[in-house]
Protein backbone atom coordinates (compact mmCIF):
# COMPACT_ATOMS: atom_id res chain seq x y z
CA UNK A 1 -18.24 21.45 12.45
CA UNK A 2 -19.10 17.90 11.13
CA UNK A 3 -20.87 19.40 7.83
CA UNK A 4 -20.12 22.53 6.58
CA UNK A 5 -21.94 23.99 3.40
CA UNK A 6 -19.20 25.64 1.99
CA UNK A 7 -18.92 26.01 -1.88
CA UNK A 8 -15.55 24.34 -2.98
CA UNK A 9 -16.36 23.19 -6.21
CA UNK A 10 -14.20 24.78 -9.08
CA UNK A 11 -15.55 23.60 -12.51
CA UNK A 12 -14.46 26.33 -14.11
CA UNK A 13 -10.77 25.36 -13.82
CA UNK A 14 -11.96 22.65 -15.64
CA UNK A 15 -10.77 22.78 -19.00
CA UNK A 16 -7.32 24.59 -18.23
CA UNK A 17 -6.07 22.03 -16.08
CA UNK A 18 -7.52 18.71 -18.00
CA UNK A 19 -5.11 20.73 -20.80
CA UNK A 20 -2.01 20.76 -18.47
CA UNK A 21 -2.60 17.12 -17.22
CA UNK A 22 -2.71 16.40 -21.14
CA UNK A 23 0.65 18.09 -21.56
CA UNK A 24 2.30 15.73 -19.52
CA UNK A 25 1.01 12.82 -20.95
CA UNK A 26 3.45 12.51 -24.11
CA UNK A 27 6.82 12.77 -21.42
CA UNK A 28 5.45 9.77 -19.26
CA UNK A 29 4.67 7.49 -22.42
CA UNK A 30 0.56 7.59 -21.42
CA UNK A 31 -2.20 7.88 -23.73
CA UNK A 32 -4.42 8.24 -20.54
CA UNK A 33 -4.26 8.92 -16.86
CA UNK A 34 -6.87 7.21 -14.03
CA UNK A 35 -7.73 9.41 -11.05
CA UNK A 36 -9.35 7.82 -8.25
CA UNK A 37 -10.73 9.93 -5.07
CA UNK A 38 -8.92 7.90 -3.10
CA UNK A 39 -5.55 8.96 -1.59
CA UNK A 40 -2.14 6.12 -0.81
CA UNK A 41 -3.93 5.53 2.65
CA UNK A 42 -7.62 4.29 0.76
CA UNK A 43 -10.00 6.07 3.35
CA UNK A 44 -13.21 7.20 3.07
CA UNK A 45 -11.79 10.76 4.00
CA UNK A 46 -8.80 12.38 2.36
CA UNK A 47 -7.30 15.69 3.02
CA UNK A 48 -6.99 18.90 0.84
CA UNK A 49 -3.97 17.68 -0.04
CA UNK A 50 -5.22 14.74 -1.77
CA UNK A 51 -8.94 15.80 -3.35
CA UNK A 52 -7.35 15.24 -6.70
CA UNK A 53 -10.44 14.27 -8.38
CA UNK A 54 -12.82 17.69 -6.87
CA UNK A 55 -9.68 19.69 -8.12
CA UNK A 56 -9.20 18.52 -11.36
CA UNK A 57 -13.10 18.48 -12.22
CA UNK A 58 -14.80 20.23 -9.89
CA UNK A 59 -16.89 16.90 -8.88
CA UNK A 60 -17.23 17.05 -4.53
CA UNK A 61 -18.40 13.71 -4.09
CA UNK A 62 -17.26 11.06 -1.25
CA UNK A 63 -16.45 8.73 -4.58
CA UNK A 64 -15.63 8.68 -8.02
CA UNK A 65 -12.86 8.42 -10.67
CA UNK A 66 -12.27 10.25 -13.30
CA UNK A 67 -10.03 9.21 -16.81
CA UNK A 68 -8.24 11.39 -18.37
CA UNK A 69 -7.26 10.64 -22.46
CA UNK A 70 -6.19 13.03 -25.10
CA UNK A 71 -9.77 13.23 -26.57
CA UNK A 72 -12.25 12.58 -23.46
CA UNK A 73 -12.15 13.32 -19.86
CA UNK A 74 -15.12 10.73 -18.01
CA UNK A 75 -16.00 11.14 -14.66
CA UNK A 76 -17.11 7.97 -13.39
CA UNK A 77 -19.77 8.22 -9.92
CA UNK A 78 -22.42 5.70 -8.20
CA UNK A 79 -26.39 6.22 -8.52
CA UNK A 80 -26.01 8.80 -5.27
CA UNK A 81 -24.17 11.63 -7.51
CA UNK A 82 -25.96 11.32 -10.92
CA UNK A 83 -27.06 14.69 -10.46
CA UNK A 84 -24.61 16.44 -8.51
CA UNK A 85 -22.02 15.48 -10.79
CA UNK A 86 -23.95 17.33 -13.64
CA UNK A 87 -24.56 19.97 -11.31
CA UNK A 88 -20.53 20.29 -10.66
CA UNK A 89 -18.86 19.64 -13.78
CA UNK A 90 -18.46 21.76 -16.61
CA UNK A 91 -20.00 19.32 -19.30
CA UNK A 92 -18.22 20.90 -22.17
CA UNK A 93 -15.19 19.06 -20.77
CA UNK A 94 -16.16 16.38 -18.95
CA UNK A 95 -18.58 13.40 -19.62
CA UNK A 96 -20.23 11.22 -16.45
CA UNK A 97 -19.79 8.18 -16.31
CA UNK A 98 -21.41 4.86 -14.91
CA UNK A 99 -19.11 3.80 -11.78
CA UNK A 100 -21.22 1.04 -11.13
CA UNK A 101 -22.59 -0.49 -14.49
CA UNK A 102 -19.48 0.86 -16.16
CA UNK A 103 -16.12 1.56 -14.28
CA UNK A 104 -12.94 2.16 -15.79
CA UNK A 105 -12.30 -1.67 -16.38
CA UNK A 106 -15.12 -2.06 -18.48
CA UNK A 107 -15.26 1.54 -20.25
CA UNK A 108 -11.44 0.97 -21.51
CA UNK A 109 -12.41 -2.08 -23.80
CA UNK A 110 -15.63 -0.83 -25.04
CA UNK A 111 -13.97 2.98 -25.68
CA UNK A 112 -10.04 3.14 -25.49
CA UNK A 113 -8.02 2.15 -28.97
CA UNK A 114 -6.19 -0.65 -29.39
CA UNK A 115 -2.46 -0.19 -27.75
CA UNK A 116 -3.83 2.13 -25.14
CA UNK A 117 -1.49 3.07 -22.44
CA UNK A 118 -3.29 4.22 -19.22
CA UNK A 119 -0.87 5.68 -16.82
CA UNK A 120 -1.73 5.38 -12.75
CA UNK A 121 -0.10 6.32 -9.82
CA UNK A 122 0.34 3.02 -8.01
CA UNK A 123 0.16 4.49 -4.46
CA UNK A 124 -3.56 5.40 -5.57
CA UNK A 125 -4.85 1.84 -6.07
CA UNK A 126 -5.11 -1.31 -4.14
CA UNK A 127 -4.17 -4.76 -6.21
CA UNK A 128 -7.42 -5.67 -6.75
CA UNK A 129 -7.84 -2.63 -8.55
CA UNK A 130 -5.07 -2.97 -10.25
CA UNK A 131 -5.24 -7.07 -11.48
CA UNK A 132 -8.94 -5.75 -13.04
CA UNK A 133 -7.67 -2.81 -14.95
CA UNK A 134 -4.30 -4.99 -16.42
CA UNK A 135 -7.09 -7.69 -17.66
CA UNK A 136 -8.83 -4.82 -19.32
CA UNK A 137 -6.34 -3.79 -20.95
CA UNK A 138 -4.98 -6.92 -22.20
CA UNK A 139 -8.41 -7.05 -24.11
CA UNK A 140 -7.12 -4.40 -26.20
CA UNK A 141 -3.11 -5.19 -26.29
CA UNK A 142 -2.39 -2.10 -23.91
CA UNK A 143 -0.80 -1.83 -20.70
CA UNK A 144 -0.61 -0.07 -17.38
CA UNK A 145 2.46 2.23 -16.80
CA UNK A 146 3.18 3.04 -13.08
CA UNK A 147 4.54 6.30 -12.89
CA UNK A 148 7.00 7.71 -10.60
CA UNK A 149 5.22 10.91 -10.14
CA UNK A 150 2.28 12.01 -10.07
CA UNK A 151 1.42 13.79 -13.07
CA UNK A 152 -1.66 15.63 -11.24
CA UNK A 153 0.29 16.70 -8.55
CA UNK A 154 2.82 18.58 -10.79
CA UNK A 155 0.28 20.89 -12.38
CA UNK A 156 -1.33 21.69 -9.13
CA UNK A 157 0.85 24.57 -8.02
CA UNK A 158 -1.76 25.79 -5.15
CA UNK A 159 -1.65 22.09 -3.69
CA UNK A 160 -2.13 22.18 -0.26
CA UNK A 161 0.48 20.66 2.20
CA UNK A 162 0.06 17.41 3.55
CA UNK A 163 -1.33 17.14 7.29
CA UNK A 164 0.55 17.53 10.66
CA UNK A 165 -2.52 16.78 13.19
CA UNK A 166 -1.68 16.54 16.44
CA UNK A 167 -1.49 13.17 17.50
CA UNK A 168 -2.60 12.08 21.32
CA UNK A 169 -2.59 9.36 23.48
CA UNK A 170 -5.70 7.40 23.82
CA UNK A 171 -6.23 6.75 27.36
CA UNK A 172 -6.16 3.28 28.57
CA UNK A 173 -10.24 3.71 29.89
CA UNK A 174 -10.91 4.02 26.58
CA UNK A 175 -8.80 1.60 24.58
CA UNK A 176 -9.27 -1.24 26.92
CA UNK A 177 -6.07 -3.12 26.05
CA UNK A 178 -2.88 -1.45 26.17
CA UNK A 179 -0.91 -1.36 23.05
CA UNK A 180 2.06 -3.52 23.85
CA UNK A 181 -0.52 -6.35 24.80
CA UNK A 182 -1.82 -5.71 21.06
CA UNK A 183 1.12 -5.42 19.61
CA UNK A 184 2.04 -8.93 21.27
CA UNK A 185 -1.25 -10.96 20.25
CA UNK A 186 -0.13 -9.98 16.97
CA UNK A 187 3.24 -11.36 17.11
CA UNK A 188 1.86 -14.56 18.70
CA UNK A 189 -0.85 -14.81 15.44
CA UNK A 190 2.16 -14.06 13.44
CA UNK A 191 4.58 -16.91 14.61
CA UNK A 192 1.12 -19.44 14.81
CA UNK A 193 1.00 -18.88 11.02
CA UNK A 194 4.57 -18.91 10.36
CA UNK A 195 4.86 -15.64 9.33
CA UNK A 196 7.61 -13.43 9.63
CA UNK A 197 5.49 -10.06 9.95
CA UNK A 198 2.35 -8.26 8.76
CA UNK A 199 2.27 -4.49 7.17
CA UNK A 200 -0.67 -2.37 8.63
CA UNK A 201 -1.34 0.06 5.80
CA UNK A 202 -4.91 1.32 7.28
CA UNK A 203 -4.48 4.72 9.63
CA UNK A 204 -7.69 3.04 11.93
CA UNK A 205 -5.57 -0.14 12.39
CA UNK A 206 -2.57 1.53 13.31
CA UNK A 207 -4.20 4.10 15.67
CA UNK A 208 -6.04 1.07 17.23
CA UNK A 209 -3.11 -1.03 18.23
CA UNK A 210 -0.74 1.99 18.76
CA UNK A 211 -3.54 3.74 21.26
CA UNK A 212 -3.09 6.70 19.78
CA UNK A 213 -5.58 9.20 17.68
CA UNK A 214 -5.26 12.04 15.25
CA UNK A 215 -6.54 14.95 13.10
CA UNK A 216 -5.08 14.36 9.60
CA UNK A 217 -8.72 13.70 7.68
CA UNK A 218 -12.00 14.93 8.52
CA UNK A 219 -14.76 12.96 10.58
CA UNK A 220 -11.64 10.35 11.23
CA UNK A 221 -9.39 10.41 14.30
CA UNK A 222 -6.90 8.68 13.21
CA UNK A 223 -3.05 10.00 11.92
CA UNK A 224 -2.03 9.23 8.92
CA UNK A 225 0.49 6.18 9.07
CA UNK A 226 1.58 2.99 8.38
CA UNK A 227 3.21 0.09 11.02
CA UNK A 228 5.02 -3.03 10.18
CA UNK A 229 4.70 -6.03 13.10
CA UNK A 230 6.95 -8.81 13.59
CA UNK A 231 6.76 -12.26 14.74
CA UNK A 232 9.13 -11.81 17.87
CA UNK A 233 7.36 -8.47 19.18
CA UNK A 234 9.17 -5.77 17.37
CA UNK A 235 7.44 -2.79 15.68
CA UNK A 236 8.22 -0.22 13.07
CA UNK A 237 6.09 2.93 13.07
CA UNK A 238 5.55 5.19 9.90
CA UNK A 239 4.20 8.29 11.28
CA UNK A 240 5.64 11.75 10.73
CA UNK A 241 7.58 13.15 13.80
CA UNK A 242 5.85 16.59 13.15
CA UNK A 243 3.07 15.49 14.63
CA UNK A 244 4.09 14.26 18.31
CA UNK A 245 5.09 15.98 21.30
CA UNK A 246 7.64 14.97 23.72
CA UNK A 247 5.24 12.85 25.34
CA UNK A 248 3.77 11.49 22.57
CA UNK A 249 7.38 10.37 21.35
CA UNK A 250 8.30 9.22 24.41
CA UNK A 251 5.42 6.84 24.60
CA UNK A 252 5.57 5.84 20.80
CA UNK A 253 9.52 5.43 21.51
CA UNK A 254 8.77 2.73 23.84
CA UNK A 255 6.73 0.78 21.39
CA UNK A 256 7.94 0.97 17.91
CA UNK A 257 11.07 2.12 16.06
CA UNK A 258 10.09 5.22 14.24
CA UNK A 259 10.56 5.90 10.64
């Protein structure tokens, strides 16, 4: 089913979960932690194991962030979710914030104390996002702390397992171009630009290049994966082997080194 009307919001647990997260701040040397809805693949849809924003706050919208400090917990949403966030979170614990007019990079200089140390999981943020946060923190003499392990995951004791959706081969009748040809064309483009390699971090791009499909996330038929294409035509594919059967293994091993 494309759309589900199941109620998955759990605002009643927000207070205890925020308290458990804050208990880990001292050991990490941070004053606050920023949790986006995005996962490490930056996709619009995320698997159940990456629904960190929803688990902590109860908010189930498709975009948002929560900044938890020792004294506040602000859930930033855009105009689509102004009503929803107030219905889904415990307003005694969380304060709704404006993701557009005052996102975390603007909220921090205006509200955070001097020397504020912001913890982030670097896998969950783009380079541009980190740059904006660093600029904001510089205004108040603060710093970013890149944590080695996500502290929210440490307190999410019943976190679902990471997805292992079966990978299938997209037939040439649907793909149009063989994967080997695509890899060769990318390699030619790299050589023309005197570049050694390109890192493919978008699973949709990986699925297109290798003519594969997956079942790891809702509504998006790609396997969570990454790849590196080299100017000499070689490739590495980062894809969990538990997602592939013998036929798919043989096919992919003919295109890339599996890692």
